[in-house]
Amino acid sequence: MTSLHGNHTARQAFSAAIDSGSLHHGWIFAGPEGVGKARFAMLAARRLLAGPGQPDDFAISPGDRTQQLIDAGSHPDLKLLQRLPRDEKKPEQGLARSIRVDQVRELDHFLGVKATYSDRRVVVIDTADDLERPGASNALLKNLEEPPAGTVFLLVSHAPGRLLPTIRSRCRMLRFEPLDDAEMRAALVDAGVASDEIDELIRVGQGSPARALAMAGLDVAGLDKALMELAKGDPTNAVRAELARSLSLKAAQERYEAFLERAPSFIAAAARMRSGEALRTALDAHDAARNLAASALGLSLDAQGTVFEMGSIVARLAAISPPAISRR
C-alpha cells in the first residue's frame, strides 16, 4: 500500500501538533488492529526526522533520503521496538511473545547520544501492547518521565486500556477508527487487489485493510458458505469432514488460518441476532471458538482435528433455531 487511507481527523491532528512548534513528547496511536496505525507511525517518524517544510499529507518524494535510511533500518535517529524472532538462527519458529526488557533498556544508549541527522530522535513501539510486564513497561516509563529534549515516542496500541495507567498519563491519545467502505475500496485498489475480490474483502475486513488483505486470494466466500452449512447442524458430519480434509493439506495453511479467524467472527454475527437461550448458546460457542483458534496456532495443534472440532462448535448454533444468520 503506497498511500494513507482513512482517519483524516487523526492525521490532521498530529500534523497540526507538529506545525504548532510544541509537539508533545509521547503519543499513543490507539484503535483496532489493521487500520493503519503502525504505517502512520512510521510516516510520522519520517516527517519528524526530515525536518521543517514537509507536506502535511505525509507524502514521500521519490528518492527521499530519510525514507531510504528508514527502509534500510539504518537511520541513526530512529529506534523501532518490535517483538524479535524467538531464535535469530531459526526465524521460521516465529516471534517472541513480548518486547523484552533488554530491548527497552537499549534506549538508554540511543537517547544518551546526540541526534545525528536532525534535531529530533524518534522511538516507535509497535505494539506497546507487547511490552513485557512489568519489566519492559517500567523501563519505558522511566524514559517517558524524563525524555531528552527533541525526543518523540510513538506508541502503537490495539488495546490502550491494557497499558500501564502511568504510561497512558504521560502520552497524548490519538484515536484511529475502522475505515468506511469507500476508504476500504480505495485501500484495496491501491494494494492491487483483483476487482472481483474487492467487495467480498470489504465485507470480511470490517474496516481493517490489513485484515482484508490477509484474506485476499483465499476464497473467503467459500469458507463462509461452509460455515453457514455447519450452522444448520451438519447432521452427517459431511461438511466438517470435507472441510477438515481440505484445510489440513500443507498447501492450505493460509486458508486454514483464515478459517480459524472467520469462525469466531461468524458466530459473533449469529449471536447479535439472538436472545434468550439461543443467545447463551451462541456466546458459549463464541468463547469456545476463540479459545480453540488461539490454541490451534499457538500450540500447533493438528489442523484436521482442529477444523473438525471448530466445525462442531459452529454446529452448536443449530441447537435452537435462530433467525437467518448474517454473513457479516
Foldseek 3Di string as FASTA:
>chain_A
DQAQFAPPVLLLVQLVLVVVVNRAQEEEEEAAPQQCQQVVLVLSQLVLLVDPDDDSRSHDDPPRPSVVCVVVVHQLQEAEFDFAAPDPVCNVVDTDQARELVSLVVVCVSQVDQHDRGNAHEYEYVAPLRHDPPRNLVSVLVCLVDPDPRHHYYHYYHCVVPRDPSSVVSHHYRYGYQHDLVRLLVVCVVVVADPVCSVVLSVVCVRRNVLSVLCGPLPVVVLLVLLLVLQQQCVVLPSLQVVLVVCLDPVNVSNLLVSLVQLLVQLVQQLVQDDDPLNVLSVVLSVVSPVLSVCCVVVVDRSSVSSSVNSNSSSSSNVDDTPRGDSD
